[in-house]
Structure formats: structure tokens, C-alpha cells
Amino acid sequence: MKLYNTLTRKKEEFEPLQDKHVRMYNCGPTVYNYIHVGNARPMVVFDSLRRYFIYKGWDVDFVVNFTDIDDKIIKKANEEGLEAKEIAERYIAEFKKDAQGLNLYEYKTINPRATEYMDEIIHFIKDLVDKGAAYELDGDVYFDITKAKDYGKLSGKNLDELQSGARIDVNEKKKNPGDFALWKKKKEGEPAWESPWSQGRPGWHIECSVMAKTLLGKTIDIHTGGEDLEFPHHENEIAQSEAHNGQDFARFWLHNGMITVDHEKMSKSKGNFFTVRDISKEYDLEVLRIFLISSHYRNPINFSKEVMDQNKNALERLYNTKDRLEGAMKTAKSGSDPDFDQDIQQLKEEFCQAMEDDMNTADALSRLFDLSKRINQGINEEIGLESLKGAQETYLSLAKVLGLLYKEEDQAEEEVLKLIKEREEARKNKDFAQADALRDQLLEMGIAIEDSRDGTKWKRI
């Protein structure tokens, strides 16, 4: 499999360090609010990569951290008169609801919290100070970027470029303008932990280095995140981890492109800022998932109502094929069709080729739609049961790689069938007003019905 490595700026053949065992770390949310659609993109696309590894028969340790102590959390807590921990707990719970809707938790995901690793963080920082790679300044501790090997190698910029306009702590006493905080001395009204330097809390970057090392080892296979994290966050992770561990931090760095809204940068000031929770009020989150994988992960992607409606209809077509296939298998005669089987196998191979080529989910999704079309043709041709079973196994397994078609049969199906039967009785009795009222009731439940010579059919909308 080839993956584009941001560190080398080229596609490289990927094999895990440990045979068939991948160790991945993805920068997770700072939990002070609901996650927005931009936060969701790396979580969905790199979950799809994890799923493909599992499809290949590999084992995956996948870490997505929670930053549960940060300036934004403290600010929110002070505004609401709460403890920072209460804010973090609230939005971790809300994140998990959104993650469930996006189908992110089908496989085991490790969600460490920064505050759970405070002893390890303090010990890590102390080691950097002892090595001469960090220094204490009035209770704060800074990493000395001149002690980092090849600082700037991820972003591909020289030190002067990186320090110009960077998100760095302003302190004229620092050795270098780009030195970044590992430990921050407590300010009034802030939560704090005891350390050798002061009562305080960790800086932004150190937590990921510590949790990655503790949970996955000194050198991990893949580190992922949005391209906005490339500098300074990921650059600083590399600097402090490699200075501490004495070896490469991550072999592959994968970054996804940003999201625009109606072709404009998403921002609160422009009023085009959407949280996942906002979107869930109008669309099932599976629609958001299919939208997020509909473009190559390294490309920018544009969010709009029109595009979401298109993806809603596309997802419905995939579900209709799934439902139609299940129905056809109940009445199909025994037998198989070699040409049909070969077509299904060919589309499966093309799907895998797309995923093997830098996780091209856009092309893989296109092959899934081609598979859907071929299955429907096979049903029309009354293909035998054995071929339909093979097609179903392929169809559902490839959809699972992309995290799609995960909704089970509606638990309210019994109620739906009951209302359809009542409507049929009303039509038989020429009570068309009642029949129309029942149709409207079903529509409100998200059920569309179609009357045909073969009886009444229904589908979810």
C-alpha cells in the first residue's frame, strides 16, 4: 500500500514496523464545545484507513486523544462559573454522541485524556530539562528549538519562516522566539498540578508526545491530523519526542485538506460555521460521513446544502440496493452466473486498488456505486442465489471499509407495516381521505410508499 508521507512529500510504500500490527495516533478535539465539520473530517477519513487495514487482516491500535485542559476550556469554565473538568466532561460526552452517529466506534478506539497522564507528562518534561533540550524560566518550562534535529522538516520551512507569525508564547526572556511552552505556571483561577518547577499545567504540544509514547511506543507507524496542525503542533511534537526518545517519532505523517463552506473558508465571523450537531438536525450523520469520504482526503472539500442533499440521495441508492438484494435472495433459485461473479470480483479488486493508492476513498466510493449498479442488473436478470450471496458479502464488506450501510433495520418497522396495512384497508374501503392521512403520517416518520401492481412498497427517506 502506498501513502503520501508529509514528511518526505511523496508517496511511499507502507508496511507496519510490527508484522500486520499498525499503531496510529490522530490528534483529537479540545473539548470545550461541540466538534465542527472540520474536526470531523480527519476522524472519518483516518477511521476509513484504519478500517481498510482491518479489512486486510491487520491489527490496529488507534489513539484519538482528548485535550481536556487548555486555555479555551478554562475560559469557557470561567464564563459559566464551572470547573474546567465539568466543561471537559460535558463535551467529551457530546463528542461521543457525534462519534456514534458518524460510526467511529465500531472498532476499538483509545481515547486518552491529557489530565490522566500528568505524572508521565511531568516526567517527560524533566527528562528534556535533564538532557539540556528544555529550560525553566520563572516557573515555566520551554523547549529549546535549537536542540531539535532538523527543526522544520515536517513543514518544509526554515526556522526564520516558521517563527514569523507562528502561534508561540510571547516572553522576551526566552532563548529563542520560537521556543515553545512545555509547562505553564499557574495563573489566578486556573486548575494546576504540582511539578518540580511550579504549580501549573502542560503546554499544548507535550500531551500528544507523551500519550503516543506511553500507549503506542517511542516510534509509531502513522500520525494523522488536519493540515492546519502541521505547524506548529506536529512540528513541535516531532522536536520534543525525538529529543526525548532519541529516535524517529512517527514514520508516516498524513494530513487531510480543509473544508470550505459554499467555497468560503469556514469561520464564526462569516456565519458559515457548522457543528456536527447542527448538521445532525437536518441530516442523518451517515450522510455527513459519505460526504467526507467523497473527495480524496488530501484535497480541500466544499460543504453546501446542495452537496449534502446529493449525498443523501446517493446514500439512499446504496441502501435501496442493500434492501433489494435482501429481498431477491429470499425468492432466488439456486445457481450462479460466472460472468456476474467475475464482474463482482473485478469491482472488488478495483475498490482495493483505489484504497491501496494513498487511500483514495473517492475512487473506492465510485467502485461501490458501480457494484451497486451491477447488483441491481443481476437482480433484474434473476441471477442465482449463490451469486447473490457472494455479491452481498462483497457489497457489505466494502461498504464497511468506508463505514457505510451501518444502520440496522428500523426498530419501528413493525409500526410501519401496521400503518401500511391500515392504509391498504382504507383504500379497499374507498376511504381515500384516511389513506392519504396515513401516507402523510408515514412521510413524517421518514417512510415513502409506492403503490404498484405487486403491492405497496416502502423505503426510508
Protein backbone atom coordinates (compact mmCIF):
# COMPACT_ATOMS: atom_id res chain seq x y z
CA MET A 1 0.00 0.00 0.00
CA LYS A 2 1.26 3.49 -0.84
CA LEU A 3 0.60 6.50 1.38
CA TYR A 4 1.60 10.13 0.87
CA ASN A 5 4.05 10.97 3.65
CA THR A 6 4.02 14.67 4.52
CA LEU A 7 7.50 14.24 5.98
CA THR A 8 9.02 13.31 2.62
CA ARG A 9 6.40 14.95 0.35
CA LYS A 10 5.94 11.80 -1.71
CA LYS A 11 4.05 8.52 -1.82
CA GLU A 12 5.86 5.70 -0.09
CA GLU A 13 5.20 2.00 0.36
CA PHE A 14 3.73 1.44 3.79
CA GLU A 15 4.31 -1.63 5.93
CA PRO A 16 3.95 -1.53 9.72
CA LEU A 17 7.05 -1.89 11.89
CA GLN A 18 5.46 -4.86 13.61
CA ASP A 19 4.14 -7.50 11.24
CA LYS A 20 0.49 -6.76 10.44
CA HIS A 21 0.15 -4.52 13.52
CA VAL A 22 -0.37 -0.80 12.86
CA ARG A 23 0.00 1.85 15.56
CA MET A 24 -1.83 5.08 14.67
CA TYR A 25 -2.28 8.36 16.54
CA ASN A 26 -4.80 11.02 15.49
CA CYS A 27 -4.99 14.42 17.17
CA GLY A 28 -8.41 14.62 18.76
CA PRO A 29 -10.59 17.53 19.91
CA THR A 30 -10.06 20.16 22.56
CA VAL A 31 -13.26 19.56 24.49
CA TYR A 32 -14.73 22.99 25.15
CA ASN A 33 -17.57 22.90 22.58
CA TYR A 34 -19.30 20.66 20.04
CA ILE A 35 -16.99 19.47 17.26
CA HIS A 36 -17.43 21.19 13.90
CA VAL A 37 -17.46 19.64 10.45
CA GLY A 38 -13.74 20.42 10.02
CA ASN A 39 -12.94 18.41 13.17
CA ALA A 40 -14.96 15.51 11.83
CA ARG A 41 -13.05 15.13 8.56
CA PRO A 42 -9.78 13.67 9.92
CA MET A 43 -11.70 11.45 12.30
CA VAL A 44 -13.79 9.97 9.48
CA VAL A 45 -11.13 9.65 6.77
CA PHE A 46 -8.49 8.15 9.03
CA ASP A 47 -11.08 5.85 10.57
CA SER A 48 -11.61 4.60 6.99
CA LEU A 49 -7.86 3.95 6.71
CA ARG A 50 -7.98 2.01 9.98
CA ARG A 51 -10.95 0.03 8.62
CA TYR A 52 -9.05 -0.85 5.44
CA PHE A 53 -6.10 -2.13 7.46
CA ILE A 54 -8.51 -4.35 9.39
CA TYR A 55 -10.08 -5.49 6.10
CA LYS A 56 -6.56 -6.54 5.02
CA GLY A 57 -6.32 -8.68 8.14
CA TRP A 58 -4.07 -6.34 10.10
CA ASP A 59 -4.43 -5.39 13.76
CA VAL A 60 -4.65 -1.68 14.57
CA ASP A 61 -4.07 0.30 17.76
CA PHE A 62 -5.83 3.62 17.12
CA VAL A 63 -5.46 6.51 19.58
CA VAL A 64 -7.58 9.69 19.39
CA ASN A 65 -6.82 11.92 22.36
CA PHE A 66 -8.96 14.38 24.27
CA THR A 67 -7.29 17.68 25.20
CA ASP A 68 -9.15 18.24 28.45
CA ILE A 69 -7.04 21.07 29.88
CA ASP A 70 -6.46 24.16 27.71
CA ASP A 71 -6.91 27.95 27.65
CA LYS A 72 -10.22 27.60 25.78
CA ILE A 73 -11.61 25.15 28.33
CA ILE A 74 -10.55 27.40 31.22
CA LYS A 75 -12.13 30.44 29.53
CA LYS A 76 -15.40 28.56 28.98
CA ALA A 77 -15.42 27.36 32.59
CA ASN A 78 -14.88 30.88 33.92
CA GLU A 79 -17.70 32.21 31.72
CA GLU A 80 -20.10 29.61 33.08
CA GLY A 81 -18.86 29.63 36.67
CA LEU A 82 -17.85 25.96 36.49
CA GLU A 83 -14.72 23.89 36.95
CA ALA A 84 -12.67 23.15 33.83
CA LYS A 85 -13.21 19.44 34.49
CA GLU A 86 -17.00 19.89 34.27
CA ILE A 87 -16.71 21.58 30.87
CA ALA A 88 -14.43 18.84 29.60
CA GLU A 89 -16.71 16.05 30.83
CA ARG A 90 -19.73 17.67 29.20
CA TYR A 91 -18.16 17.96 25.77
CA ILE A 92 -16.46 14.56 25.88
CA ALA A 93 -19.94 13.10 26.34
CA GLU A 94 -21.26 15.21 23.46
CA PHE A 95 -18.35 14.19 21.25
CA LYS A 96 -19.12 10.53 21.85
CA LYS A 97 -22.71 11.07 20.70
CA ASP A 98 -21.48 12.61 17.45
CA ALA A 99 -18.84 9.91 17.06
CA GLN A 100 -21.51 7.24 17.40
CA GLY A 101 -23.57 8.91 14.68
CA LEU A 102 -20.51 9.02 12.41
CA ASN A 103 -19.82 5.33 13.05
CA LEU A 104 -16.39 5.98 14.56
CA TYR A 105 -16.62 3.45 17.37
CA GLU A 106 -17.30 0.18 15.56
CA TYR A 107 -13.74 -0.87 16.33
CA LYS A 108 -11.79 -0.21 19.49
CA THR A 109 -10.57 3.39 19.73
CA ILE A 110 -8.37 4.53 22.62
CA ASN A 111 -9.41 7.98 23.91
CA PRO A 112 -6.82 9.11 26.48
CA ARG A 113 -7.24 12.40 28.33
CA ALA A 114 -4.31 14.72 28.97
CA THR A 115 -5.15 15.04 32.68
CA GLU A 116 -4.88 11.25 33.09
CA TYR A 117 -1.20 11.38 32.09
CA MET A 118 0.04 14.25 34.26
CA ASP A 119 2.72 12.18 36.03
CA GLU A 120 4.04 10.92 32.69
CA ILE A 121 3.98 14.46 31.25
CA ILE A 122 5.95 15.89 34.16
CA HIS A 123 8.50 13.06 33.98
CA PHE A 124 8.86 13.55 30.20
CA ILE A 125 9.50 17.28 30.63
CA LYS A 126 12.01 16.62 33.44
CA ASP A 127 13.92 14.29 31.13
CA LEU A 128 14.08 17.02 28.46
CA VAL A 129 15.40 19.51 31.03
CA ASP A 130 18.00 16.98 32.20
CA LYS A 131 19.08 16.42 28.58
CA GLY A 132 19.54 20.16 28.07
CA ALA A 133 16.75 20.33 25.48
CA ALA A 134 14.45 22.39 27.73
CA TYR A 135 14.89 25.07 30.36
CA GLU A 136 12.95 26.57 33.25
CA LEU A 137 12.07 30.29 33.26
CA ASP A 138 10.20 31.80 36.22
CA GLY A 139 8.18 28.62 36.78
CA ASP A 140 7.51 28.00 33.08
CA VAL A 141 9.43 25.39 31.06
CA TYR A 142 10.30 25.90 27.39
CA PHE A 143 11.67 23.60 24.72
CA ASP A 144 14.85 24.95 23.12
CA ILE A 145 14.25 24.53 19.38
CA THR A 146 17.96 24.81 18.63
CA LYS A 147 18.33 21.42 20.35
CA ALA A 148 15.93 19.77 17.89
CA LYS A 149 17.38 17.86 14.97
CA ASP A 150 16.18 19.33 11.64
CA TYR A 151 13.51 21.55 13.20
CA GLY A 152 11.07 22.43 10.42
CA LYS A 153 11.48 19.19 8.48
CA LEU A 154 7.75 18.42 8.50
CA SER A 155 6.50 21.80 7.31
CA GLY A 156 9.46 22.19 4.94
CA LYS A 157 10.23 25.76 6.07
CA ASN A 158 13.36 27.22 7.58
CA LEU A 159 13.48 28.44 11.15
CA ASP A 160 13.01 32.13 10.31
CA GLU A 161 9.87 31.36 8.27
CA LEU A 162 8.43 29.15 10.99
CA GLN A 163 8.91 31.75 13.71
CA SER A 164 7.31 34.53 11.68
CA GLY A 165 3.65 34.78 12.72
CA ALA A 166 3.68 31.41 14.48
CA ARG A 167 1.46 30.51 17.43
CA ILE A 168 4.19 30.90 20.08
CA ASP A 169 4.31 32.15 23.64
CA VAL A 170 5.45 35.74 23.96
CA ASN A 171 8.24 36.03 26.51
CA GLU A 172 11.23 38.28 25.86
CA LYS A 173 13.38 36.20 28.21
CA LYS A 174 13.15 33.07 26.07
CA LYS A 175 16.37 31.90 24.46
CA ASN A 176 14.75 31.82 21.02
CA PRO A 177 11.49 33.41 19.82
CA GLY A 178 10.24 30.02 18.60
CA ASP A 179 10.84 28.16 21.88
CA PHE A 180 7.51 26.72 22.97
CA ALA A 181 5.98 26.01 26.37
CA LEU A 182 6.13 22.54 27.86
CA TRP A 183 4.86 23.66 31.28
CA LYS A 184 2.88 26.80 32.20
CA LYS A 185 2.97 28.32 35.68
CA LYS A 186 -0.45 28.70 37.24
CA LYS A 187 -2.36 31.94 36.82
CA GLU A 188 -5.16 33.12 39.10
CA GLY A 189 -8.30 30.97 38.74
CA GLU A 190 -6.62 28.19 36.77
CA PRO A 191 -6.50 24.48 37.67
CA ALA A 192 -2.95 23.34 38.48
CA TRP A 193 -0.77 20.35 39.29
CA GLU A 194 2.39 20.16 41.39
CA SER A 195 5.67 19.94 39.47
CA PRO A 196 9.40 20.49 40.12
CA TRP A 197 9.08 23.97 38.55
CA SER A 198 5.77 25.36 39.77
CA GLN A 199 2.12 24.65 40.29
CA GLY A 200 0.87 24.68 36.73
CA ARG A 201 -0.27 22.70 33.72
CA PRO A 202 1.17 21.31 30.49
CA GLY A 203 1.57 23.23 27.26
CA TRP A 204 -0.45 22.35 24.16
CA HIS A 205 2.02 20.10 22.34
CA ILE A 206 3.52 17.92 25.07
CA GLU A 207 0.42 15.83 25.81
CA CYS A 208 0.33 14.14 22.39
CA SER A 209 4.00 13.18 22.53
CA VAL A 210 3.55 11.65 25.97
CA MET A 211 0.34 9.77 25.25
CA ALA A 212 1.66 8.45 21.92
CA LYS A 213 4.84 7.16 23.58
CA THR A 214 3.00 5.67 26.57
CA LEU A 215 0.27 3.94 24.56
CA LEU A 216 1.99 3.13 21.26
CA GLY A 217 5.76 3.24 21.82
CA LYS A 218 8.68 5.51 21.01
CA THR A 219 8.28 5.17 17.24
CA ILE A 220 4.75 4.86 15.85
CA ASP A 221 3.67 3.90 12.34
CA ILE A 222 1.29 6.71 11.42
CA HIS A 223 0.42 10.11 12.89
CA THR A 224 -2.59 11.87 11.37
CA GLY A 225 -4.50 15.13 11.57
CA GLY A 226 -5.68 18.16 9.65
CA GLU A 227 -3.15 20.12 7.60
CA ASP A 228 -3.68 23.10 9.93
CA LEU A 229 -1.84 21.10 12.63
CA GLU A 230 1.27 20.60 10.52
CA PHE A 231 2.83 23.66 12.14
CA PRO A 232 3.30 24.32 14.95
CA HIS A 233 1.65 21.38 16.68
CA HIS A 234 3.04 18.42 14.75
CA GLU A 235 6.39 20.10 14.16
CA ASN A 236 6.76 20.59 17.91
CA GLU A 237 5.65 17.04 18.67
CA ILE A 238 8.48 15.78 16.48
CA ALA A 239 11.03 18.10 18.08
CA GLN A 240 10.27 17.18 21.70
CA SER A 241 9.65 13.46 21.06
CA GLU A 242 12.83 12.88 19.07
CA ALA A 243 14.92 14.91 21.54
CA HIS A 244 13.48 12.79 24.35
CA ASN A 245 13.34 9.35 22.72
CA GLY A 246 16.46 9.54 20.59
CA GLN A 247 14.69 8.01 17.59
CA ASP A 248 12.10 8.82 14.93
CA PHE A 249 8.73 9.74 16.39
CA ALA A 250 6.41 8.74 13.50
CA ARG A 251 7.34 7.00 10.26
CA PHE A 252 4.39 8.39 8.26
CA TRP A 253 2.60 11.72 8.66
CA LEU A 254 -0.81 12.01 6.95
CA HIS A 255 -2.71 15.31 6.74
CA ASN A 256 -6.17 15.96 5.34
CA GLY A 257 -7.23 19.08 3.44
CA MET A 258 -9.50 21.75 4.82
CA ILE A 259 -13.25 22.26 4.40
CA THR A 260 -14.81 25.33 2.83
CA VAL A 261 -18.48 26.29 3.10
CA ASP A 262 -20.03 27.46 -0.16
CA HIS A 263 -16.43 27.92 -1.36
CA GLU A 264 -15.51 30.25 1.51
CA LYS A 265 -13.29 29.49 4.49
CA MET A 266 -15.37 28.32 7.43
CA SER A 267 -15.35 30.84 10.27
CA LYS A 268 -17.67 32.01 13.02
CA SER A 269 -17.30 35.64 11.90
CA LYS A 270 -18.75 34.78 8.47
CA GLY A 271 -21.67 32.92 9.99
CA ASN A 272 -20.87 29.76 7.99
CA PHE A 273 -19.58 27.73 10.91
CA PHE A 274 -21.37 24.38 11.33
CA THR A 275 -21.02 21.90 14.16
CA VAL A 276 -21.72 18.23 13.61
CA ARG A 277 -24.64 18.63 16.00
CA ASP A 278 -26.08 21.41 13.79
CA ILE A 279 -25.85 19.14 10.76
CA SER A 280 -27.48 16.23 12.59
CA LYS A 281 -30.68 18.30 12.97
CA GLU A 282 -31.21 18.19 9.19
CA TYR A 283 -29.30 15.10 8.04
CA ASP A 284 -28.51 11.68 9.37
CA LEU A 285 -24.79 11.73 10.23
CA GLU A 286 -24.19 8.87 7.83
CA VAL A 287 -24.85 11.46 5.10
CA LEU A 288 -22.06 13.58 6.57
CA ARG A 289 -19.78 10.56 6.61
CA ILE A 290 -20.32 9.78 2.93
CA PHE A 291 -19.73 13.47 2.11
CA LEU A 292 -16.42 13.48 4.00
CA ILE A 293 -15.06 10.48 2.07
CA SER A 294 -16.40 11.60 -1.32
CA SER A 295 -13.17 13.50 -2.10
CA HIS A 296 -9.56 12.43 -1.73
CA TYR A 297 -8.52 13.16 1.83
CA ARG A 298 -5.63 15.45 0.83
CA ASN A 299 -7.84 17.68 -1.30
CA PRO A 300 -9.98 20.53 0.04
CA ILE A 301 -13.68 19.78 0.11
CA ASN A 302 -16.63 22.16 -0.16
CA PHE A 303 -19.64 21.85 2.16
CA SER A 304 -23.04 23.09 0.98
CA LYS A 305 -26.68 22.13 1.36
CA GLU A 306 -26.81 21.15 -2.30
CA VAL A 307 -23.86 18.78 -1.90
CA MET A 308 -25.34 17.29 1.28
CA ASP A 309 -28.66 16.69 -0.50
CA GLN A 310 -26.80 14.94 -3.31
CA ASN A 311 -25.01 12.72 -0.81
CA LYS A 312 -28.28 11.97 0.97
CA ASN A 313 -29.75 10.71 -2.30
CA ALA A 314 -26.58 8.76 -3.09
CA LEU A 315 -26.68 7.04 0.29
CA GLU A 316 -30.33 6.19 -0.23
CA ARG A 317 -29.41 4.43 -3.51
CA LEU A 318 -26.85 2.30 -1.67
CA TYR A 319 -29.41 1.34 0.97
CA ASN A 320 -32.02 0.57 -1.68
CA THR A 321 -29.59 -1.89 -3.28
CA LYS A 322 -28.95 -3.48 0.09
CA ASP A 323 -32.69 -3.86 0.74
CA ARG A 324 -33.42 -5.05 -2.80
CA LEU A 325 -30.64 -7.64 -2.58
CA GLU A 326 -32.00 -9.00 0.70
CA GLY A 327 -35.45 -9.30 -0.88
CA ALA A 328 -34.16 -11.00 -4.04
CA MET A 329 -32.25 -13.61 -2.04
CA LYS A 330 -35.48 -14.73 -0.38
CA THR A 331 -37.01 -15.81 -3.71
CA ALA A 332 -33.93 -16.58 -5.84
CA LYS A 333 -33.41 -20.06 -7.23
CA SER A 334 -30.22 -21.97 -6.59
CA GLY A 335 -27.45 -21.33 -9.09
CA SER A 336 -24.63 -18.99 -10.08
CA ASP A 337 -23.54 -16.93 -13.06
CA PRO A 338 -19.76 -16.93 -13.82
CA ASP A 339 -19.89 -13.65 -15.77
CA PHE A 340 -21.73 -11.88 -12.95
CA ASP A 341 -19.33 -13.34 -10.36
CA GLN A 342 -16.36 -12.16 -12.41
CA ASP A 343 -17.77 -8.63 -12.65
CA ILE A 344 -18.25 -8.50 -8.88
CA GLN A 345 -14.69 -9.73 -8.31
CA GLN A 346 -13.31 -7.16 -10.76
CA LEU A 347 -15.07 -4.29 -8.97
CA LYS A 348 -13.81 -5.59 -5.63
CA GLU A 349 -10.24 -5.53 -6.94
CA GLU A 350 -10.67 -2.02 -8.31
CA PHE A 351 -12.02 -0.87 -4.93
CA CYS A 352 -8.93 -2.27 -3.20
CA GLN A 353 -6.63 -0.72 -5.80
CA ALA A 354 -8.14 2.68 -5.02
CA MET A 355 -7.59 2.22 -1.28
CA GLU A 356 -4.04 0.94 -1.87
CA ASP A 357 -3.27 4.14 -3.78
CA ASP A 358 -2.99 6.63 -0.90
CA MET A 359 -6.43 5.78 0.48
CA ASN A 360 -8.38 7.18 -2.46
CA THR A 361 -11.82 6.91 -0.86
CA ALA A 362 -13.37 8.95 -3.70
CA ASP A 363 -12.47 6.28 -6.28
CA ALA A 364 -13.31 3.49 -3.84
CA LEU A 365 -16.76 5.01 -3.31
CA SER A 366 -17.26 5.18 -7.09
CA ARG A 367 -16.49 1.46 -7.32
CA LEU A 368 -19.06 0.81 -4.58
CA PHE A 369 -21.68 2.59 -6.69
CA ASP A 370 -20.60 0.58 -9.74
CA LEU A 371 -21.03 -2.54 -7.63
CA SER A 372 -24.50 -1.37 -6.59
CA LYS A 373 -25.45 -0.87 -10.24
CA ARG A 374 -24.15 -4.30 -11.28
CA ILE A 375 -26.01 -5.99 -8.42
CA ASN A 376 -29.27 -4.36 -9.47
CA GLN A 377 -28.69 -5.55 -13.02
CA GLY A 378 -28.09 -9.05 -11.68
CA ILE A 379 -31.32 -8.95 -9.71
CA ASN A 380 -33.19 -7.91 -12.87
CA GLU A 381 -31.56 -10.81 -14.71
CA GLU A 382 -32.73 -13.16 -11.91
CA ILE A 383 -29.20 -14.28 -11.05
CA GLY A 384 -28.98 -17.44 -8.93
CA LEU A 385 -28.82 -17.47 -5.13
CA GLU A 386 -25.15 -18.43 -4.81
CA SER A 387 -24.08 -15.45 -6.95
CA LEU A 388 -26.35 -13.12 -4.99
CA LYS A 389 -24.86 -14.34 -1.70
CA GLY A 390 -21.34 -13.69 -2.96
CA ALA A 391 -22.34 -10.23 -4.19
CA GLN A 392 -23.94 -9.40 -0.85
CA GLU A 393 -20.82 -10.42 1.08
CA THR A 394 -18.63 -8.25 -1.18
CA TYR A 395 -21.03 -5.30 -1.16
CA LEU A 396 -21.41 -5.14 2.62
CA SER A 397 -17.73 -5.78 3.39
CA LEU A 398 -16.58 -2.97 1.08
CA ALA A 399 -19.24 -0.62 2.44
CA LYS A 400 -17.94 -1.44 5.92
CA VAL A 401 -14.43 -0.34 4.91
CA LEU A 402 -15.89 3.10 4.20
CA GLY A 403 -18.01 2.97 7.35
CA LEU A 404 -21.29 2.96 5.41
CA LEU A 405 -24.57 0.99 5.50
CA TYR A 406 -24.27 0.52 9.24
CA LYS A 407 -27.89 1.26 10.14
CA GLU A 408 -29.81 -1.81 11.20
CA GLU A 409 -33.45 -2.37 10.30
CA ASP A 410 -35.59 0.34 11.84
CA GLN A 411 -36.85 -0.78 15.21
CA ALA A 412 -40.14 0.86 14.29
CA GLU A 413 -40.59 -1.44 11.28
CA GLU A 414 -43.49 -3.24 12.95
CA GLU A 415 -45.30 0.10 13.37
CA VAL A 416 -44.59 0.98 9.72
CA LEU A 417 -46.06 -2.30 8.47
CA LYS A 418 -49.08 -1.80 10.73
CA LEU A 419 -49.77 1.66 9.24
CA ILE A 420 -49.31 0.38 5.68
CA LYS A 421 -51.82 -2.38 6.34
CA GLU A 422 -54.29 0.15 7.76
CA ARG A 423 -53.83 2.31 4.67
CA GLU A 424 -54.45 -0.67 2.37
CA GLU A 425 -57.66 -1.40 4.28
CA ALA A 426 -58.70 2.27 3.94
CA ARG A 427 -58.11 2.18 0.18
CA LYS A 428 -60.03 -1.08 -0.12
CA ASN A 429 -62.94 0.60 1.69
CA LYS A 430 -62.57 3.67 -0.60
CA ASP A 431 -61.76 5.85 2.43
CA PHE A 432 -59.22 7.86 0.47
CA ALA A 433 -59.06 10.69 2.99
CA GLN A 434 -57.90 8.23 5.67
CA ALA A 435 -55.49 6.61 3.21
CA ASP A 436 -53.94 10.00 2.43
CA ALA A 437 -53.69 10.84 6.12
CA LEU A 438 -51.84 7.58 6.78
CA ARG A 439 -49.49 8.27 3.85
CA ASP A 440 -48.70 11.69 5.37
CA GLN A 441 -48.11 10.09 8.77
CA LEU A 442 -45.64 7.66 7.20
CA LEU A 443 -43.86 10.51 5.42
CA GLU A 444 -43.43 12.30 8.75
CA MET A 445 -41.77 9.10 10.01
CA GLY A 446 -39.36 9.23 7.06
CA ILE A 447 -41.13 6.47 5.10
CA ALA A 448 -42.06 6.83 1.43
CA ILE A 449 -44.56 4.37 -0.04
CA GLU A 450 -45.23 3.38 -3.62
CA ASP A 451 -48.31 1.57 -4.88
CA SER A 452 -47.69 -0.90 -7.69
CA ARG A 453 -49.28 -3.96 -9.28
CA ASP A 454 -47.12 -6.07 -6.96
CA GLY A 455 -48.50 -4.35 -3.88
CA THR A 456 -47.33 -1.48 -1.69
CA LYS A 457 -43.58 -0.99 -1.35
CA TRP A 458 -41.86 1.28 1.15
CA LYS A 459 -38.44 2.77 1.75
CA ARG A 460 -36.73 5.14 4.19
CA ILE A 461 -36.05 8.68 3.01
